[in-house]
Amino acid sequence: CELEDCLIKEIQPNLDLLPSNVNLAGAEIELLEMENKEGILRYY
């Protein structure tokens, strides 16, 4: 997905959220196969 798809805006005034759930646990394995695996979050 794109950033705009997962960004929850104004969860309270001045505060936005990038949410998470248990699916993120699987990212550990998928990140291993990516280029620049340590810098994916920084990229976004």
ModelCIF file with pLDDT and N, C-alpha, C, O atoms, coordinates in Angstrom:
data_MODEL
#
_entry.id   MODEL 
#
_entity.id                         1 
_entity.type                       polymer 
_entity.pdbx_number_of_molecules   1 
#
_entity_poly.entity_id                      1 
_entity_poly.type                           'polypeptide(L)' 
_entity_poly.nstd_linkage                   no 
_entity_poly.nstd_monomer                   no 
_entity_poly.pdbx_seq_one_letter_code       CELEDCLIKEIQPNLDLLPSNVNLAGAEIELLEMENKEGILRYY 
_entity_poly.pdbx_seq_one_letter_code_can   CELEDCLIKEIQPNLDLLPSNVNLAGAEIELLEMENKEGILRYY 
_entity_poly.pdbx_strand_id                 A 
#
loop_
_entity_poly_seq.entity_id 
_entity_poly_seq.num 
_entity_poly_seq.mon_id 
_entity_poly_seq.hetero 
1 1  CYS n 
1 2  GLU n 
1 3  LEU n 
1 4  GLU n 
1 5  ASP n 
1 6  CYS n 
1 7  LEU n 
1 8  ILE n 
1 9  LYS n 
1 10 GLU n 
1 11 ILE n 
1 12 GLN n 
1 13 PRO n 
1 14 ASN n 
1 15 LEU n 
1 16 ASP n 
1 17 LEU n 
1 18 LEU n 
1 19 PRO n 
1 20 SER n 
1 21 ASN n 
1 22 VAL n 
1 23 ASN n 
1 24 LEU n 
1 25 ALA n 
1 26 GLY n 
1 27 ALA n 
1 28 GLU n 
1 29 ILE n 
1 30 GLU n 
1 31 LEU n 
1 32 LEU n 
1 33 GLU n 
1 34 MET n 
1 35 GLU n 
1 36 ASN n 
1 37 LYS n 
1 38 GLU n 
1 39 GLY n 
1 40 ILE n 
1 41 LEU n 
1 42 ARG n 
1 43 TYR n 
1 44 TYR n 
#
_struct_asym.id          A 
_struct_asym.entity_id   1 
#
loop_
_ma_qa_metric.id 
_ma_qa_metric.mode 
_ma_qa_metric.name 
_ma_qa_metric.software_group_id 
_ma_qa_metric.type 
1 global pLDDT . pLDDT 
2 local  pLDDT . pLDDT 
#
_ma_qa_metric_global.metric_id      1 
_ma_qa_metric_global.metric_value   92.32 
_ma_qa_metric_global.model_id       1 
_ma_qa_metric_global.ordinal_id     1 
#
loop_
_ma_qa_metric_local.label_asym_id 
_ma_qa_metric_local.label_comp_id 
_ma_qa_metric_local.label_seq_id 
_ma_qa_metric_local.metric_id 
_ma_qa_metric_local.metric_value 
_ma_qa_metric_local.model_id 
_ma_qa_metric_local.ordinal_id 
A CYS 1  2 92.00 1 1  
A GLU 2  2 92.00 1 2  
A LEU 3  2 92.00 1 3  
A GLU 4  2 91.00 1 4  
A ASP 5  2 94.00 1 5  
A CYS 6  2 95.00 1 6  
A LEU 7  2 95.00 1 7  
A ILE 8  2 95.00 1 8  
A LYS 9  2 95.00 1 9  
A GLU 10 2 94.00 1 10 
A ILE 11 2 94.00 1 11 
A GLN 12 2 94.00 1 12 
A PRO 13 2 96.00 1 13 
A ASN 14 2 97.00 1 14 
A LEU 15 2 98.00 1 15 
A ASP 16 2 97.00 1 16 
A LEU 17 2 97.00 1 17 
A LEU 18 2 97.00 1 18 
A PRO 19 2 97.00 1 19 
A SER 20 2 96.00 1 20 
A ASN 21 2 94.00 1 21 
A VAL 22 2 93.00 1 22 
A ASN 23 2 91.00 1 23 
A LEU 24 2 93.00 1 24 
A ALA 25 2 90.00 1 25 
A GLY 26 2 87.00 1 26 
A ALA 27 2 87.00 1 27 
A GLU 28 2 83.00 1 28 
A ILE 29 2 86.00 1 29 
A GLU 30 2 88.00 1 30 
A LEU 31 2 87.00 1 31 
A LEU 32 2 86.00 1 32 
A GLU 33 2 86.00 1 33 
A MET 34 2 86.00 1 34 
A GLU 35 2 86.00 1 35 
A ASN 36 2 88.00 1 36 
A LYS 37 2 91.00 1 37 
A GLU 38 2 93.00 1 38 
A GLY 39 2 94.00 1 39 
A ILE 40 2 94.00 1 40 
A LEU 41 2 95.00 1 41 
A ARG 42 2 96.00 1 42 
A TYR 43 2 95.00 1 43 
A TYR 44 2 95.00 1 44 
#
loop_
_atom_site.group_PDB 
_atom_site.id 
_atom_site.type_symbol 
_atom_site.label_atom_id 
_atom_site.label_alt_id 
_atom_site.label_comp_id 
_atom_site.label_asym_id 
_atom_site.label_entity_id 
_atom_site.label_seq_id 
_atom_site.pdbx_PDB_ins_code 
_atom_site.Cartn_x 
_atom_site.Cartn_y 
_atom_site.Cartn_z 
_atom_site.occupancy 
_atom_site.B_iso_or_equiv 
_atom_site.pdbx_formal_charge 
_atom_site.auth_seq_id 
_atom_site.auth_comp_id 
_atom_site.auth_asym_id 
_atom_site.auth_atom_id 
_atom_site.pdbx_PDB_model_num 
ATOM 1   N N  . CYS A 1 1  ? 0.855  -1.198  0.000  1.00 92.00 ? 1  CYS A N  1 
ATOM 2   C CA . CYS A 1 1  ? 0.000  0.000   0.000  1.00 92.00 ? 1  CYS A CA 1 
ATOM 3   C C  . CYS A 1 1  ? 0.884  1.239   0.000  1.00 92.00 ? 1  CYS A C  1 
ATOM 4   O O  . CYS A 1 1  ? 2.091  1.163   0.229  1.00 92.00 ? 1  CYS A O  1 
ATOM 5   N N  . GLU A 1 2  ? 0.259  2.375   -0.260 1.00 92.00 ? 2  GLU A N  1 
ATOM 6   C CA . GLU A 1 2  ? 0.954  3.658   -0.210 1.00 92.00 ? 2  GLU A CA 1 
ATOM 7   C C  . GLU A 1 2  ? 0.780  4.271   1.180  1.00 92.00 ? 2  GLU A C  1 
ATOM 8   O O  . GLU A 1 2  ? -0.092 3.869   1.950  1.00 92.00 ? 2  GLU A O  1 
ATOM 9   N N  . LEU A 1 3  ? 1.626  5.249   1.478  1.00 92.00 ? 3  LEU A N  1 
ATOM 10  C CA . LEU A 1 3  ? 1.569  5.915   2.781  1.00 92.00 ? 3  LEU A CA 1 
ATOM 11  C C  . LEU A 1 3  ? 0.178  6.449   3.096  1.00 92.00 ? 3  LEU A C  1 
ATOM 12  O O  . LEU A 1 3  ? -0.317 6.294   4.213  1.00 92.00 ? 3  LEU A O  1 
ATOM 13  N N  . GLU A 1 4  ? -0.455 7.083   2.098  1.00 91.00 ? 4  GLU A N  1 
ATOM 14  C CA . GLU A 1 4  ? -1.757 7.695   2.328  1.00 91.00 ? 4  GLU A CA 1 
ATOM 15  C C  . GLU A 1 4  ? -2.811 6.654   2.694  1.00 91.00 ? 4  GLU A C  1 
ATOM 16  O O  . GLU A 1 4  ? -3.789 6.960   3.375  1.00 91.00 ? 4  GLU A O  1 
ATOM 17  N N  . ASP A 1 5  ? -2.596 5.396   2.226  1.00 94.00 ? 5  ASP A N  1 
ATOM 18  C CA . ASP A 1 5  ? -3.586 4.345   2.473  1.00 94.00 ? 5  ASP A CA 1 
ATOM 19  C C  . ASP A 1 5  ? -3.630 3.914   3.933  1.00 94.00 ? 5  ASP A C  1 
ATOM 20  O O  . ASP A 1 5  ? -4.681 3.511   4.430  1.00 94.00 ? 5  ASP A O  1 
ATOM 21  N N  . CYS A 1 6  ? -2.505 3.995   4.618  1.00 95.00 ? 6  CYS A N  1 
ATOM 22  C CA . CYS A 1 6  ? -2.470 3.477   5.990  1.00 95.00 ? 6  CYS A CA 1 
ATOM 23  C C  . CYS A 1 6  ? -2.347 4.569   7.049  1.00 95.00 ? 6  CYS A C  1 
ATOM 24  O O  . CYS A 1 6  ? -2.358 4.276   8.244  1.00 95.00 ? 6  CYS A O  1 
ATOM 25  N N  . LEU A 1 7  ? -2.229 5.820   6.620  1.00 95.00 ? 7  LEU A N  1 
ATOM 26  C CA . LEU A 1 7  ? -2.106 6.927   7.576  1.00 95.00 ? 7  LEU A CA 1 
ATOM 27  C C  . LEU A 1 7  ? -3.492 7.299   8.112  1.00 95.00 ? 7  LEU A C  1 
ATOM 28  O O  . LEU A 1 7  ? -4.392 7.647   7.348  1.00 95.00 ? 7  LEU A O  1 
ATOM 29  N N  . ILE A 1 8  ? -3.646 7.221   9.420  1.00 95.00 ? 8  ILE A N  1 
ATOM 30  C CA . ILE A 1 8  ? -4.911 7.636   10.052 1.00 95.00 ? 8  ILE A CA 1 
ATOM 31  C C  . ILE A 1 8  ? -4.721 9.059   10.563 1.00 95.00 ? 8  ILE A C  1 
ATOM 32  O O  . ILE A 1 8  ? -3.935 9.300   11.480 1.00 95.00 ? 8  ILE A O  1 
ATOM 33  N N  . LYS A 1 9  ? -5.444 9.993   9.966  1.00 95.00 ? 9  LYS A N  1 
ATOM 34  C CA . LYS A 1 9  ? -5.215 11.406  10.265 1.00 95.00 ? 9  LYS A CA 1 
ATOM 35  C C  . LYS A 1 9  ? -6.091 11.889  11.417 1.00 95.00 ? 9  LYS A C  1 
ATOM 36  O O  . LYS A 1 9  ? -7.219 11.435  11.611 1.00 95.00 ? 9  LYS A O  1 
ATOM 37  N N  . GLU A 1 10 ? -5.524 12.831  12.171 1.00 94.00 ? 10 GLU A N  1 
ATOM 38  C CA . GLU A 1 10 ? -6.253 13.527  13.242 1.00 94.00 ? 10 GLU A CA 1 
ATOM 39  C C  . GLU A 1 10 ? -6.964 12.562  14.186 1.00 94.00 ? 10 GLU A C  1 
ATOM 40  O O  . GLU A 1 10 ? -8.160 12.691  14.450 1.00 94.00 ? 10 GLU A O  1 
ATOM 41  N N  . ILE A 1 11 ? -6.206 11.598  14.683 1.00 94.00 ? 11 ILE A N  1 
ATOM 42  C CA . ILE A 1 11 ? -6.764 10.673  15.669 1.00 94.00 ? 11 ILE A CA 1 
ATOM 43  C C  . ILE A 1 11 ? -7.130 11.450  16.933 1.00 94.00 ? 11 ILE A C  1 
ATOM 44  O O  . ILE A 1 11 ? -8.027 11.069  17.686 1.00 94.00 ? 11 ILE A O  1 
ATOM 45  N N  . GLN A 1 12 ? -6.417 12.535  17.137 1.00 94.00 ? 12 GLN A N  1 
ATOM 46  C CA . GLN A 1 12 ? -6.846 13.621  18.017 1.00 94.00 ? 12 GLN A CA 1 
ATOM 47  C C  . GLN A 1 12 ? -6.229 14.866  17.402 1.00 94.00 ? 12 GLN A C  1 
ATOM 48  O O  . GLN A 1 12 ? -5.354 14.730  16.546 1.00 94.00 ? 12 GLN A O  1 
ATOM 49  N N  . PRO A 1 13 ? -6.631 16.070  17.787 1.00 96.00 ? 13 PRO A N  1 
ATOM 50  C CA . PRO A 1 13 ? -6.070 17.259  17.144 1.00 96.00 ? 13 PRO A CA 1 
ATOM 51  C C  . PRO A 1 13 ? -4.538 17.237  17.125 1.00 96.00 ? 13 PRO A C  1 
ATOM 52  O O  . PRO A 1 13 ? -3.898 17.006  18.151 1.00 96.00 ? 13 PRO A O  1 
ATOM 53  N N  . ASN A 1 14 ? -3.966 17.478  15.952 1.00 97.00 ? 14 ASN A N  1 
ATOM 54  C CA . ASN A 1 14 ? -2.502 17.525  15.736 1.00 97.00 ? 14 ASN A CA 1 
ATOM 55  C C  . ASN A 1 14 ? -1.812 16.170  15.765 1.00 97.00 ? 14 ASN A C  1 
ATOM 56  O O  . ASN A 1 14 ? -0.585 16.118  15.680 1.00 97.00 ? 14 ASN A O  1 
ATOM 57  N N  . LEU A 1 15 ? -2.551 15.071  15.882 1.00 98.00 ? 15 LEU A N  1 
ATOM 58  C CA . LEU A 1 15 ? -1.921 13.757  16.016 1.00 98.00 ? 15 LEU A CA 1 
ATOM 59  C C  . LEU A 1 15 ? -2.415 12.776  14.947 1.00 98.00 ? 15 LEU A C  1 
ATOM 60  O O  . LEU A 1 15 ? -3.600 12.448  14.892 1.00 98.00 ? 15 LEU A O  1 
ATOM 61  N N  . ASP A 1 16 ? -1.485 12.315  14.097 1.00 97.00 ? 16 ASP A N  1 
ATOM 62  C CA . ASP A 1 16 ? -1.760 11.276  13.104 1.00 97.00 ? 16 ASP A CA 1 
ATOM 63  C C  . ASP A 1 16 ? -1.103 9.975   13.555 1.00 97.00 ? 16 ASP A C  1 
ATOM 64  O O  . ASP A 1 16 ? -0.199 9.978   14.390 1.00 97.00 ? 16 ASP A O  1 
ATOM 65  N N  . LEU A 1 17 ? -1.574 8.855   12.984 1.00 97.00 ? 17 LEU A N  1 
ATOM 66  C CA . LEU A 1 17 ? -1.072 7.536   13.396 1.00 97.00 ? 17 LEU A CA 1 
ATOM 67  C C  . LEU A 1 17 ? -0.805 6.647   12.192 1.00 97.00 ? 17 LEU A C  1 
ATOM 68  O O  . LEU A 1 17 ? -1.623 6.557   11.277 1.00 97.00 ? 17 LEU A O  1 
ATOM 69  N N  . LEU A 1 18 ? 0.361  5.986   12.203 1.00 97.00 ? 18 LEU A N  1 
ATOM 70  C CA . LEU A 1 18 ? 0.607  4.843   11.315 1.00 97.00 ? 18 LEU A CA 1 
ATOM 71  C C  . LEU A 1 18 ? 0.383  3.601   12.173 1.00 97.00 ? 18 LEU A C  1 
ATOM 72  O O  . LEU A 1 18 ? 1.210  3.294   13.032 1.00 97.00 ? 18 LEU A O  1 
ATOM 73  N N  . PRO A 1 19 ? -0.720 2.881   11.959 1.00 97.00 ? 19 PRO A N  1 
ATOM 74  C CA . PRO A 1 19 ? -1.094 1.792   12.869 1.00 97.00 ? 19 PRO A CA 1 
ATOM 75  C C  . PRO A 1 19 ? -0.331 0.499   12.603 1.00 97.00 ? 19 PRO A C  1 
ATOM 76  O O  . PRO A 1 19 ? 0.332  0.339   11.579 1.00 97.00 ? 19 PRO A O  1 
ATOM 77  N N  . SER A 1 20 ? -0.448 -0.414  13.559 1.00 96.00 ? 20 SER A N  1 
ATOM 78  C CA . SER A 1 20 ? 0.193  -1.719  13.449 1.00 96.00 ? 20 SER A CA 1 
ATOM 79  C C  . SER A 1 20 ? -0.732 -2.783  14.021 1.00 96.00 ? 20 SER A C  1 
ATOM 80  O O  . SER A 1 20 ? -1.644 -2.484  14.793 1.00 96.00 ? 20 SER A O  1 
ATOM 81  N N  . ASN A 1 21 ? -0.483 -4.028  13.631 1.00 94.00 ? 21 ASN A N  1 
ATOM 82  C CA . ASN A 1 21 ? -1.119 -5.166  14.298 1.00 94.00 ? 21 ASN A CA 1 
ATOM 83  C C  . ASN A 1 21 ? -0.200 -6.370  14.152 1.00 94.00 ? 21 ASN A C  1 
ATOM 84  O O  . ASN A 1 21 ? 0.951  -6.232  13.738 1.00 94.00 ? 21 ASN A O  1 
ATOM 85  N N  . VAL A 1 22 ? -0.703 -7.540  14.489 1.00 93.00 ? 22 VAL A N  1 
ATOM 86  C CA . VAL A 1 22 ? 0.140  -8.740  14.560 1.00 93.00 ? 22 VAL A CA 1 
ATOM 87  C C  . VAL A 1 22 ? 0.776  -9.101  13.210 1.00 93.00 ? 22 VAL A C  1 
ATOM 88  O O  . VAL A 1 22 ? 1.778  -9.814  13.173 1.00 93.00 ? 22 VAL A O  1 
ATOM 89  N N  . ASN A 1 23 ? 0.208  -8.619  12.117 1.00 91.00 ? 23 ASN A N  1 
ATOM 90  C CA . ASN A 1 23 ? 0.789  -8.897  10.793 1.00 91.00 ? 23 ASN A CA 1 
ATOM 91  C C  . ASN A 1 23 ? 2.244  -8.455  10.707 1.00 91.00 ? 23 ASN A C  1 
ATOM 92  O O  . ASN A 1 23 ? 3.035  -9.040  9.967  1.00 91.00 ? 23 ASN A O  1 
ATOM 93  N N  . LEU A 1 24 ? 2.596  -7.409  11.472 1.00 93.00 ? 24 LEU A N  1 
ATOM 94  C CA . LEU A 1 24 ? 3.957  -6.861  11.397 1.00 93.00 ? 24 LEU A CA 1 
ATOM 95  C C  . LEU A 1 24 ? 5.004  -7.888  11.826 1.00 93.00 ? 24 LEU A C  1 
ATOM 96  O O  . LEU A 1 24 ? 6.168  -7.791  11.437 1.00 93.00 ? 24 LEU A O  1 
ATOM 97  N N  . ALA A 1 25 ? 4.592  -8.869  12.626 1.00 90.00 ? 25 ALA A N  1 
ATOM 98  C CA . ALA A 1 25 ? 5.538  -9.910  13.049 1.00 90.00 ? 25 ALA A CA 1 
ATOM 99  C C  . ALA A 1 25 ? 6.129  -10.641 11.840 1.00 90.00 ? 25 ALA A C  1 
ATOM 100 O O  . ALA A 1 25 ? 7.282  -11.070 11.874 1.00 90.00 ? 25 ALA A O  1 
ATOM 101 N N  . GLY A 1 26 ? 5.340  -10.779 10.777 1.00 87.00 ? 26 GLY A N  1 
ATOM 102 C CA . GLY A 1 26 ? 5.816  -11.457 9.571  1.00 87.00 ? 26 GLY A CA 1 
ATOM 103 C C  . GLY A 1 26 ? 6.810  -10.647 8.770  1.00 87.00 ? 26 GLY A C  1 
ATOM 104 O O  . GLY A 1 26 ? 7.507  -11.184 7.909  1.00 87.00 ? 26 GLY A O  1 
ATOM 105 N N  . ALA A 1 27 ? 6.880  -9.352  9.052  1.00 87.00 ? 27 ALA A N  1 
ATOM 106 C CA . ALA A 1 27 ? 7.773  -8.482  8.285  1.00 87.00 ? 27 ALA A CA 1 
ATOM 107 C C  . ALA A 1 27 ? 9.236  -8.815  8.513  1.00 87.00 ? 27 ALA A C  1 
ATOM 108 O O  . ALA A 1 27 ? 10.068 -8.596  7.632  1.00 87.00 ? 27 ALA A O  1 
ATOM 109 N N  . GLU A 1 28 ? 9.557  -9.339  9.682  1.00 83.00 ? 28 GLU A N  1 
ATOM 110 C CA . GLU A 1 28 ? 10.951 -9.707  9.993  1.00 83.00 ? 28 GLU A CA 1 
ATOM 111 C C  . GLU A 1 28 ? 11.529 -10.598 8.895  1.00 83.00 ? 28 GLU A C  1 
ATOM 112 O O  . GLU A 1 28 ? 12.635 -10.364 8.408  1.00 83.00 ? 28 GLU A O  1 
ATOM 113 N N  . ILE A 1 29 ? 10.772 -11.612 8.517  1.00 86.00 ? 29 ILE A N  1 
ATOM 114 C CA . ILE A 1 29 ? 11.242 -12.579 7.518  1.00 86.00 ? 29 ILE A CA 1 
ATOM 115 C C  . ILE A 1 29 ? 11.272 -11.945 6.136  1.00 86.00 ? 29 ILE A C  1 
ATOM 116 O O  . ILE A 1 29 ? 12.220 -12.138 5.374  1.00 86.00 ? 29 ILE A O  1 
ATOM 117 N N  . GLU A 1 30 ? 10.220 -11.181 5.817  1.00 88.00 ? 30 GLU A N  1 
ATOM 118 C CA . GLU A 1 30 ? 10.164 -10.566 4.487  1.00 88.00 ? 30 GLU A CA 1 
ATOM 119 C C  . GLU A 1 30 ? 11.238 -9.507  4.301  1.00 88.00 ? 30 GLU A C  1 
ATOM 120 O O  . GLU A 1 30 ? 11.755 -9.326  3.198  1.00 88.00 ? 30 GLU A O  1 
ATOM 121 N N  . LEU A 1 31 ? 11.573 -8.808  5.375  1.00 87.00 ? 31 LEU A N  1 
ATOM 122 C CA . LEU A 1 31 ? 12.615 -7.781  5.276  1.00 87.00 ? 31 LEU A CA 1 
ATOM 123 C C  . LEU A 1 31 ? 13.974 -8.386  4.926  1.00 87.00 ? 31 LEU A C  1 
ATOM 124 O O  . LEU A 1 31 ? 14.781 -7.760  4.238  1.00 87.00 ? 31 LEU A O  1 
ATOM 125 N N  . LEU A 1 32 ? 14.219 -9.598  5.399  1.00 86.00 ? 32 LEU A N  1 
ATOM 126 C CA . LEU A 1 32 ? 15.511 -10.246 5.156  1.00 86.00 ? 32 LEU A CA 1 
ATOM 127 C C  . LEU A 1 32 ? 15.839 -10.343 3.671  1.00 86.00 ? 32 LEU A C  1 
ATOM 128 O O  . LEU A 1 32 ? 17.008 -10.313 3.286  1.00 86.00 ? 32 LEU A O  1 
ATOM 129 N N  . GLU A 1 33 ? 14.805 -10.461 2.838  1.00 86.00 ? 33 GLU A N  1 
ATOM 130 C CA . GLU A 1 33 ? 15.017 -10.654 1.404  1.00 86.00 ? 33 GLU A CA 1 
ATOM 131 C C  . GLU A 1 33 ? 15.080 -9.341  0.637  1.00 86.00 ? 33 GLU A C  1 
ATOM 132 O O  . GLU A 1 33 ? 15.332 -9.340  -0.568 1.00 86.00 ? 33 GLU A O  1 
ATOM 133 N N  . MET A 1 34 ? 14.853 -8.228  1.320  1.00 86.00 ? 34 MET A N  1 
ATOM 134 C CA . MET A 1 34 ? 14.799 -6.937  0.630  1.00 86.00 ? 34 MET A CA 1 
ATOM 135 C C  . MET A 1 34 ? 16.163 -6.261  0.578  1.00 86.00 ? 34 MET A C  1 
ATOM 136 O O  . MET A 1 34 ? 17.004 -6.431  1.460  1.00 86.00 ? 34 MET A O  1 
ATOM 137 N N  . GLU A 1 35 ? 16.350 -5.490  -0.490 1.00 86.00 ? 35 GLU A N  1 
ATOM 138 C CA . GLU A 1 35 ? 17.523 -4.610  -0.540 1.00 86.00 ? 35 GLU A CA 1 
ATOM 139 C C  . GLU A 1 35 ? 17.296 -3.494  0.478  1.00 86.00 ? 35 GLU A C  1 
ATOM 140 O O  . GLU A 1 35 ? 16.158 -3.111  0.747  1.00 86.00 ? 35 GLU A O  1 
ATOM 141 N N  . ASN A 1 36 ? 18.376 -2.982  1.035  1.00 88.00 ? 36 ASN A N  1 
ATOM 142 C CA . ASN A 1 36 ? 18.275 -1.895  2.005  1.00 88.00 ? 36 ASN A CA 1 
ATOM 143 C C  . ASN A 1 36 ? 17.296 -2.256  3.127  1.00 88.00 ? 36 ASN A C  1 
ATOM 144 O O  . ASN A 1 36 ? 16.486 -1.429  3.544  1.00 88.00 ? 36 ASN A O  1 
ATOM 145 N N  . LYS A 1 37 ? 17.381 -3.496  3.607  1.00 91.00 ? 37 LYS A N  1 
ATOM 146 C CA . LYS A 1 37 ? 16.386 -4.001  4.567  1.00 91.00 ? 37 LYS A CA 1 
ATOM 147 C C  . LYS A 1 37 ? 16.359 -3.229  5.883  1.00 91.00 ? 37 LYS A C  1 
ATOM 148 O O  . LYS A 1 37 ? 15.348 -3.229  6.585  1.00 91.00 ? 37 LYS A O  1 
ATOM 149 N N  . GLU A 1 38 ? 17.472 -2.569  6.217  1.00 93.00 ? 38 GLU A N  1 
ATOM 150 C CA . GLU A 1 38 ? 17.490 -1.795  7.471  1.00 93.00 ? 38 GLU A CA 1 
ATOM 151 C C  . GLU A 1 38 ? 16.935 -0.379  7.280  1.00 93.00 ? 38 GLU A C  1 
ATOM 152 O O  . GLU A 1 38 ? 16.685 0.334   8.252  1.00 93.00 ? 38 GLU A O  1 
ATOM 153 N N  . GLY A 1 39 ? 16.744 0.020   6.014  1.00 94.00 ? 39 GLY A N  1 
ATOM 154 C CA . GLY A 1 39 ? 16.374 1.419   5.753  1.00 94.00 ? 39 GLY A CA 1 
ATOM 155 C C  . GLY A 1 39 ? 14.994 1.611   5.140  1.00 94.00 ? 39 GLY A C  1 
ATOM 156 O O  . GLY A 1 39 ? 14.688 2.692   4.635  1.00 94.00 ? 39 GLY A O  1 
ATOM 157 N N  . ILE A 1 40 ? 14.154 0.575   5.177  1.00 94.00 ? 40 ILE A N  1 
ATOM 158 C CA . ILE A 1 40 ? 12.828 0.671   4.543  1.00 94.00 ? 40 ILE A CA 1 
ATOM 159 C C  . ILE A 1 40 ? 11.954 1.719   5.238  1.00 94.00 ? 40 ILE A C  1 
ATOM 160 O O  . ILE A 1 40 ? 11.327 2.543   4.573  1.00 94.00 ? 40 ILE A O  1 
ATOM 161 N N  . LEU A 1 41 ? 11.912 1.690   6.566  1.00 95.00 ? 41 LEU A N  1 
ATOM 162 C CA . LEU A 1 41 ? 11.079 2.655   7.281  1.00 95.00 ? 41 LEU A CA 1 
ATOM 163 C C  . LEU A 1 41 ? 11.576 4.074   7.039  1.00 95.00 ? 41 LEU A C  1 
ATOM 164 O O  . LEU A 1 41 ? 10.776 4.989   6.843  1.00 95.00 ? 41 LEU A O  1 
ATOM 165 N N  . ARG A 1 42 ? 12.896 4.261   7.051  1.00 96.00 ? 42 ARG A N  1 
ATOM 166 C CA . ARG A 1 42 ? 13.444 5.603   6.800  1.00 96.00 ? 42 ARG A CA 1 
ATOM 167 C C  . ARG A 1 42 ? 13.027 6.117   5.421  1.00 96.00 ? 42 ARG A C  1 
ATOM 168 O O  . ARG A 1 42 ? 12.709 7.296   5.265  1.00 96.00 ? 42 ARG A O  1 
ATOM 169 N N  . TYR A 1 43 ? 13.030 5.232   4.425  1.00 95.00 ? 43 TYR A N  1 
ATOM 170 C CA . TYR A 1 43 ? 12.635 5.602   3.067  1.00 95.00 ? 43 TYR A CA 1 
ATOM 171 C C  . TYR A 1 43 ? 11.238 6.235   3.063  1.00 95.00 ? 43 TYR A C  1 
ATOM 172 O O  . TYR A 1 43 ? 11.011 7.259   2.419  1.00 95.00 ? 43 TYR A O  1 
ATOM 173 N N  . TYR A 1 44 ? 10.311 5.609   3.790  1.00 95.00 ? 44 TYR A N  1 
ATOM 174 C CA . TYR A 1 44 ? 8.938  6.131   3.811  1.00 95.00 ? 44 TYR A CA 1 
ATOM 175 C C  . TYR A 1 44 ? 8.798  7.366   4.695  1.00 95.00 ? 44 TYR A C  1 
ATOM 176 O O  . TYR A 1 44 ? 7.705  7.919   4.814  1.00 95.00 ? 44 TYR A O  1 
#
